[in-house]
Protein backbone atom coordinates (compact mmCIF):
# COMPACT_ATOMS: atom_id res chain seq x y z
CA MET A 1 -84.42 206.33 -11.01
CA ALA A 2 -83.44 209.48 -12.88
CA ASN A 3 -86.95 209.96 -14.22
CA GLU A 4 -85.39 210.03 -17.86
CA LEU A 5 -87.52 207.13 -19.66
CA LEU A 6 -89.23 208.17 -22.65
CA PRO A 7 -93.01 207.54 -22.85
CA GLU A 8 -92.71 204.42 -24.91
CA GLU A 9 -90.02 203.01 -22.62
CA GLU A 10 -92.36 203.64 -19.56
CA LYS A 11 -94.95 201.62 -21.31
CA GLU A 12 -92.61 198.93 -21.94
CA LEU A 13 -91.40 198.82 -18.42
CA GLU A 14 -94.83 198.73 -17.19
CA ARG A 15 -95.87 196.00 -19.52
CA LEU A 16 -92.79 193.81 -18.27
CA LEU A 17 -93.67 194.52 -14.67
CA GLN A 18 -97.32 193.24 -15.36
CA GLN A 19 -95.89 190.10 -16.85
CA HIS A 20 -93.33 189.65 -14.22
CA PRO A 21 -95.08 190.77 -10.91
CA GLU A 22 -92.35 189.23 -8.67
CA ALA A 23 -90.16 191.75 -10.05
CA SER A 24 -92.30 194.60 -8.39
CA TYR A 25 -90.31 193.76 -5.06
CA ILE A 26 -87.03 194.63 -6.89
CA LYS A 27 -88.56 197.83 -8.49
CA GLU A 28 -89.66 199.24 -5.07
CA MET A 29 -86.23 198.41 -3.60
CA LEU A 30 -84.45 200.04 -6.41
CA MET A 31 -86.40 203.17 -6.25
CA HIS A 32 -85.79 203.93 -2.76
CA PRO A 33 -83.58 207.07 -2.77
CA TRP A 34 -79.79 206.37 -2.78
CA LYS A 35 -78.21 209.07 -0.76
CA ASP A 36 -75.39 209.51 1.56
CA ARG A 37 -76.41 210.17 5.14
CA GLU A 38 -74.36 213.35 5.34
CA ARG A 39 -74.87 214.78 1.75
CA LEU A 40 -76.40 214.08 -1.61
CA PHE A 41 -74.28 212.92 -4.43
CA GLY A 42 -74.04 214.76 -7.68
CA PRO A 43 -75.25 213.07 -11.05
CA GLU A 44 -71.48 212.57 -12.21
CA GLU A 45 -70.64 210.66 -8.98
CA VAL A 46 -73.75 208.75 -9.09
CA ASP A 47 -73.28 207.73 -13.03
CA MET A 48 -69.58 206.84 -12.27
CA ALA A 49 -70.73 204.47 -9.37
CA LEU A 50 -73.15 202.79 -11.60
CA ARG A 51 -70.73 202.35 -14.50
CA ARG A 52 -68.29 200.71 -12.10
CA HIS A 53 -70.91 198.33 -10.55
CA LYS A 54 -72.12 197.26 -13.98
CA LEU A 55 -68.53 196.32 -14.84
CA ARG A 56 -68.40 194.12 -11.67
CA LEU A 57 -71.87 192.71 -12.36
CA GLU A 58 -70.75 191.71 -15.94
CA ALA A 59 -67.56 190.27 -14.48
CA ALA A 60 -69.43 188.31 -11.90
CA GLY A 61 -71.97 186.89 -14.40
CA ASP A 62 -69.21 185.27 -16.63
CA ALA A 63 -68.69 181.83 -15.49
CA ASP A 64 -65.34 181.48 -17.41
CA ASP A 65 -63.58 184.47 -15.94
CA GLU A 66 -62.73 185.50 -12.36
CA PRO A 67 -64.46 188.38 -11.18
CA VAL A 68 -62.62 191.77 -11.45
CA PRO A 69 -62.75 193.76 -8.42
CA VAL A 70 -63.52 197.40 -8.57
CA ARG A 71 -62.20 199.32 -5.69
CA PRO A 72 -64.01 202.52 -5.31
CA LYS A 73 -61.97 205.75 -4.40
CA GLY A 74 -62.41 208.97 -2.81
CA LYS A 75 -65.76 210.72 -2.43
CA VAL A 76 -67.74 207.90 -4.19
CA ARG A 77 -66.56 204.97 -1.99
CA ARG A 78 -69.40 205.00 0.34
CA MET A 79 -71.92 205.41 -2.47
CA VAL A 80 -70.45 202.30 -4.26
CA LEU A 81 -70.62 200.20 -0.97
CA GLN A 82 -74.35 201.35 -0.73
CA LEU A 83 -74.84 200.17 -4.25
CA THR A 84 -73.20 196.86 -3.68
CA GLY A 85 -75.34 195.89 -0.91
CA VAL A 86 -78.65 196.87 -2.98
CA ALA A 87 -77.23 195.08 -6.01
CA ALA A 88 -76.58 191.93 -4.08
CA ALA A 89 -80.13 192.06 -2.66
CA VAL A 90 -81.37 192.38 -6.23
CA ALA A 91 -79.37 189.50 -7.45
CA LEU A 92 -80.54 187.37 -4.47
CA ALA A 93 -84.24 188.27 -5.20
CA PHE A 94 -83.74 187.44 -8.88
CA PHE A 95 -81.90 184.24 -8.22
CA VAL A 96 -84.74 183.15 -5.55
CA GLY A 97 -87.35 183.86 -7.83
CA ARG A 98 -85.81 181.97 -10.72
CA GLN A 99 -85.31 179.04 -8.39
CA TRP A 100 -88.72 179.03 -6.81
CA LEU A 101 -91.11 180.21 -9.57
CA PRO A 102 -92.06 177.45 -12.04
CA ALA A 103 -90.86 177.86 -15.52
CA ALA A 104 -93.40 178.52 -18.26
CA ASN A 105 -93.26 174.91 -19.86
CA SER A 106 -92.73 173.19 -16.38
CA PRO A 107 -95.42 170.52 -15.20
CA LEU A 108 -96.41 173.00 -12.34
CA GLU A 109 -98.20 175.50 -14.56
CA GLY A 110 -101.04 175.55 -12.14
CA ALA A 111 -98.81 176.24 -9.16
CA PRO A 112 -100.03 179.24 -7.13
CA GLN A 113 -98.58 182.64 -7.31
CA GLN A 114 -99.13 185.55 -5.00
CA LEU A 115 -99.04 189.25 -5.38
CA VAL A 116 -98.69 191.34 -2.14
CA THR A 117 -98.81 195.08 -1.65
CA GLN A 118 -97.54 196.78 1.64
CA LYS A 119 -99.26 199.59 3.37
CA GLY A 120 -98.64 202.90 1.44
CA SER A 121 -98.26 201.19 -2.05
CA ARG A 122 -100.44 199.90 -4.81
CA SER A 123 -99.92 197.58 -7.64
CA HIS A 124 -101.56 196.06 -10.83
CA ILE A 125 -100.98 193.02 -12.73
CA LYS A 126 -102.40 191.16 -15.79
CA LEU A 127 -103.64 187.72 -15.01
CA PRO A 128 -102.86 184.65 -17.65
CA ASP A 129 -106.46 185.16 -19.03
CA GLY A 130 -105.94 188.66 -19.86
CA THR A 131 -107.85 190.05 -16.54
CA THR A 132 -106.23 193.05 -15.32
CA VAL A 133 -106.24 193.57 -11.54
CA TRP A 134 -105.22 196.67 -9.37
CA LEU A 135 -104.41 195.57 -5.84
CA ASN A 136 -104.80 198.46 -3.22
CA ALA A 137 -102.49 198.89 -0.29
CA GLY A 138 -102.04 196.17 2.31
CA SER A 139 -103.63 193.45 0.15
CA LYS A 140 -102.97 189.97 -1.13
CA LEU A 141 -103.97 188.21 -4.29
CA ASP A 142 -103.34 184.48 -4.89
CA TYR A 143 -103.77 183.17 -8.63
CA PRO A 144 -102.37 180.36 -10.54
CA LYS A 145 -99.66 180.80 -13.01
CA GLN A 146 -102.03 179.47 -15.73
CA PHE A 147 -105.92 178.91 -15.42
CA THR A 148 -106.68 175.24 -16.26
CA GLY A 149 -109.98 173.25 -16.59
CA GLY A 150 -113.26 175.15 -17.02
CA LYS A 151 -112.87 177.80 -14.39
CA ARG A 152 -110.69 180.75 -13.45
CA GLU A 153 -110.53 181.42 -9.78
CA VAL A 154 -108.43 183.83 -7.49
CA THR A 155 -108.37 184.53 -3.81
CA LEU A 156 -108.31 187.97 -2.41
CA GLU A 157 -107.53 189.49 1.01
CA GLY A 158 -107.80 193.13 1.00
CA GLU A 159 -108.94 195.35 -1.79
CA ALA A 160 -108.77 194.90 -5.57
CA PHE A 161 -110.42 196.30 -8.85
CA PHE A 162 -110.97 193.56 -11.42
CA ASP A 163 -111.46 194.31 -15.19
CA VAL A 164 -112.34 190.47 -16.06
CA ALA A 165 -111.44 189.25 -19.71
CA LYS A 166 -114.47 187.91 -21.25
CA ASP A 167 -114.76 183.98 -21.61
CA ALA A 168 -118.07 182.61 -21.72
CA ASP A 169 -116.85 179.07 -21.37
CA ARG A 170 -114.94 179.75 -18.08
CA PRO A 171 -116.53 182.06 -15.50
CA PHE A 172 -114.14 184.00 -13.11
CA THR A 173 -114.50 183.64 -9.41
CA VAL A 174 -113.22 185.94 -6.77
CA ARG A 175 -112.96 184.18 -3.39
CA THR A 176 -112.82 186.20 -0.02
CA LYS A 177 -113.13 185.14 3.52
CA THR A 178 -116.82 186.50 3.51
CA PHE A 179 -118.28 185.80 0.01
CA ALA A 180 -117.45 184.67 -3.49
CA ILE A 181 -118.09 186.64 -6.58
CA ARG A 182 -118.80 185.11 -10.04
CA VAL A 183 -118.62 186.90 -13.44
CA LEU A 184 -117.92 186.28 -17.13
CA GLY A 185 -116.54 189.71 -18.27
CA THR A 186 -116.98 193.08 -16.15
CA GLU A 187 -115.50 195.59 -13.99
CA PHE A 188 -115.97 195.58 -10.18
CA ASN A 189 -114.22 196.42 -7.01
CA VAL A 190 -114.01 194.18 -3.89
CA ARG A 191 -113.03 195.43 -0.45
CA ALA A 192 -112.53 192.35 2.15
CA TYR A 193 -109.80 193.44 4.56
CA PRO A 194 -109.78 190.66 7.44
CA GLN A 195 -109.58 193.32 10.28
CA GLU A 196 -112.63 195.10 8.90
CA ASP A 197 -116.11 194.31 10.19
CA SER A 198 -117.59 194.58 6.78
CA ALA A 199 -116.84 193.43 3.14
CA VAL A 200 -118.14 195.24 -0.06
CA THR A 201 -118.48 194.32 -3.66
CA SER A 202 -119.10 197.16 -5.98
CA LEU A 203 -120.01 196.76 -9.78
CA ILE A 204 -119.14 199.28 -12.41
CA ARG A 205 -119.86 197.45 -15.64
CA GLY A 206 -121.52 194.12 -16.62
CA ALA A 207 -123.12 191.83 -14.20
CA VAL A 208 -121.87 189.91 -11.10
CA GLU A 209 -123.28 187.28 -8.66
CA VAL A 210 -122.36 187.31 -4.97
CA VAL A 211 -122.32 183.77 -3.55
CA LEU A 212 -123.28 184.23 0.06
CA ASP A 213 -123.72 180.48 0.71
CA GLU A 214 -122.64 178.00 -2.02
CA THR A 215 -124.45 175.09 0.13
CA GLU A 216 -127.66 176.72 0.04
CA ASN A 217 -126.95 178.42 -3.28
CA ARG A 218 -127.80 181.84 -1.79
CA VAL A 219 -126.83 184.40 -4.44
CA VAL A 220 -127.32 188.14 -4.84
CA ARG A 221 -127.26 189.61 -8.41
CA LEU A 222 -125.77 193.04 -8.82
CA ARG A 223 -126.28 195.58 -11.56
CA PRO A 224 -124.03 198.45 -12.80
CA ASN A 225 -123.47 200.98 -10.11
CA GLU A 226 -124.65 198.76 -7.23
CA LYS A 227 -122.77 197.52 -4.44
CA LEU A 228 -123.34 194.88 -1.74
CA THR A 229 -122.15 195.35 1.81
CA MET A 230 -121.84 192.34 4.03
CA LEU A 231 -121.83 193.40 7.62
CA THR A 232 -120.29 191.11 10.06
CA ALA A 233 -121.18 190.95 13.85
CA VAL A 234 -120.01 188.44 16.36
CA VAL A 235 -122.66 187.06 18.80
CA THR A 236 -123.05 184.69 21.54
CA PRO A 237 -125.99 182.39 21.14
CA ASP A 238 -126.72 182.11 24.72
CA ASN A 239 -125.08 181.63 28.27
CA ASN A 240 -124.52 177.93 28.25
CA GLY A 241 -120.80 178.16 27.07
CA HIS A 242 -121.45 178.03 23.36
CA ASN A 243 -118.65 179.69 21.31
CA PRO A 244 -119.53 183.21 19.67
CA VAL A 245 -120.49 182.88 16.05
CA GLU A 246 -120.26 185.23 13.11
CA ILE A 247 -123.56 186.63 11.68
CA HIS A 248 -123.37 188.18 8.24
CA GLN A 249 -126.05 190.62 6.97
CA PRO A 250 -126.11 191.54 3.34
CA VAL A 251 -127.09 195.22 2.28
CA LYS A 252 -127.37 196.36 -1.24
CA SER A 253 -127.14 200.04 -2.15
CA ARG A 254 -126.19 202.35 -4.88
CA LEU A 255 -122.23 203.39 -5.42
CA THR A 256 -121.29 206.47 -3.54
CA GLU A 257 -120.63 209.42 -5.99
CA VAL A 258 -118.51 212.17 -4.26
CA GLU A 259 -118.01 214.79 -6.95
CA ASP A 260 -117.11 215.27 -10.50
CA SER A 261 -118.30 211.89 -11.17
CA VAL A 262 -115.58 210.42 -8.58
CA ILE A 263 -116.97 207.27 -7.35
CA ALA A 264 -115.50 206.60 -3.74
CA GLU A 265 -115.36 202.89 -4.02
CA THR A 266 -113.05 203.00 -7.06
CA ALA A 267 -111.33 206.46 -6.84
CA TRP A 268 -108.17 204.58 -5.45
CA VAL A 269 -107.47 203.02 -8.75
CA GLU A 270 -106.95 206.56 -10.11
CA ASN A 271 -104.76 207.21 -7.15
CA LYS A 272 -107.32 209.36 -5.53
CA LEU A 273 -108.46 209.12 -1.91
CA ALA A 274 -112.19 209.75 -1.81
CA PHE A 275 -115.12 209.20 0.78
CA LYS A 276 -118.24 210.85 1.54
CA LYS A 277 -120.10 210.91 4.89
CA MET A 278 -117.82 208.44 6.35
CA PRO A 279 -117.06 208.15 10.21
CA LEU A 280 -113.60 209.47 11.09
CA GLU A 281 -113.01 206.00 12.64
CA ARG A 282 -113.09 204.60 9.17
CA VAL A 283 -111.57 207.40 7.47
CA ALA A 284 -108.42 206.88 9.91
CA VAL A 285 -108.28 203.13 8.62
CA LEU A 286 -108.11 204.44 5.03
CA LEU A 287 -105.37 206.85 5.84
CA GLU A 288 -103.23 204.04 7.68
CA HIS A 289 -103.38 201.87 4.49
CA TRP A 290 -102.98 204.72 1.99
CA PHE A 291 -99.88 206.29 3.84
CA ASP A 292 -98.74 203.44 6.14
CA ALA A 293 -99.48 205.40 9.10
CA ASP A 294 -100.34 204.79 12.60
CA ILE A 295 -103.41 207.03 13.73
CA ARG A 296 -104.93 206.69 17.12
CA PHE A 297 -107.86 208.23 19.13
CA LYS A 298 -107.37 210.04 22.30
CA ASN A 299 -110.91 211.15 22.39
CA ASP A 300 -113.18 208.22 21.26
CA ASN A 301 -116.15 210.79 20.76
CA LYS A 302 -114.52 211.83 17.63
CA ARG A 303 -114.59 208.20 16.19
CA GLN A 304 -118.17 208.93 14.77
CA VAL A 305 -117.65 212.50 13.35
CA TYR A 306 -118.69 212.20 9.76
CA LEU A 307 -116.47 213.62 7.10
CA SER A 308 -116.22 214.01 3.07
CA GLY A 309 -113.37 214.65 0.92
CA VAL A 310 -111.29 213.86 -2.31
CA PHE A 311 -107.67 214.00 -2.23
CA ASP A 312 -105.15 213.46 -5.05
CA LYS A 313 -101.48 214.32 -4.49
CA GLU A 314 -101.80 215.49 -0.71
CA SER A 315 -99.61 214.36 1.92
CA LEU A 316 -100.92 212.77 5.14
CA ILE A 317 -100.53 215.90 7.18
CA GLU A 318 -102.06 217.99 4.45
CA VAL A 319 -105.20 215.64 4.36
CA LEU A 320 -105.48 215.91 8.16
CA LYS A 321 -105.32 219.78 7.93
CA ALA A 322 -107.89 219.95 5.41
CA LEU A 323 -110.21 217.75 7.36
CA GLU A 324 -109.31 219.56 10.69
CA LEU A 325 -110.59 222.86 9.05
CA THR A 326 -114.24 221.41 9.58
CA GLY A 327 -113.68 222.10 13.48
CA SER A 328 -114.76 218.70 14.11
CA PHE A 329 -111.36 217.38 15.63
CA HIS A 330 -107.77 218.29 16.30
CA PHE A 331 -104.60 216.12 15.60
CA ARG A 332 -101.17 216.17 16.63
CA GLN A 333 -98.13 213.88 15.53
CA GLY A 334 -95.98 212.50 18.44
CA ASP A 335 -92.12 212.12 18.41
CA ASP A 336 -92.55 208.54 17.41
CA GLY A 337 -94.65 209.41 14.39
CA VAL A 338 -98.02 208.30 15.75
CA ILE A 339 -100.88 210.59 15.05
CA TRP A 340 -103.38 211.21 17.70
CA ILE A 341 -106.94 212.54 17.08
CA GLU A 342 -108.10 214.68 19.96
């Protein structure tokens, strides 16, 4: 919270969070700013409150002793009450996690696990086989606690970048709603949000097979710096009352290099927002996921305005102002926080 970790301590914390992804929720909750609604607390007040609360937690954790209540006084009283609520939530989250997550030596080693990132946040995890996965905003990854048998398989909803550990005897498979990807050891990106009309696999290194139809064994092989976009369209076969069906059309192309070797499809892994010749309608979707925003169009003609850009640490408003300088659209933010494109 105080940003006082030494570099080696930061690495240790990151390693522990990778090993225990369920703790990411606790981390995000702890990182919310703790402050009084009327004024900020000084370092000494915060330190005092934390010391008092640590004593309470230690007392509460001793089964043989009665908890010793700590009664906050004076100007730190409200702060301690806030900390009490947060600590209670942390303790509850930890207790629930311990109760519901199988132990390392339990017979439920293959039990499913899930990593979820909300809009506006990103995370990464190391899977049991050593594979590293970066999960983009608004995404969900399902994986087993331990890979068993002759395969390694995960399910993705959203976007993720995979650095797959090599294992010639056990292929690694990523399943999405639209297709599956089979690899042995490689780096690739998958974007398959359920609300979007396309799904994309982008290969950085190695080789992958994109399985379009397992029954008919329809497979498309990708080489490095290639991507496969699966376009989805909903059509009605005829007017005889048949239900609409989804038609998937695969399109192979090269990765999109924006500038200075920045690849649009994987820039998000380095916390960069990058796009090239993308319609504003799709840019708005990217910004909504990236900043957890709500962007709407008052002028539908602006949806197909094509834009390019690379952003690193800019805020949502700074990004929109930079794009607005192209003169192709204007934006305003309503009192309710909604961004309107005009």
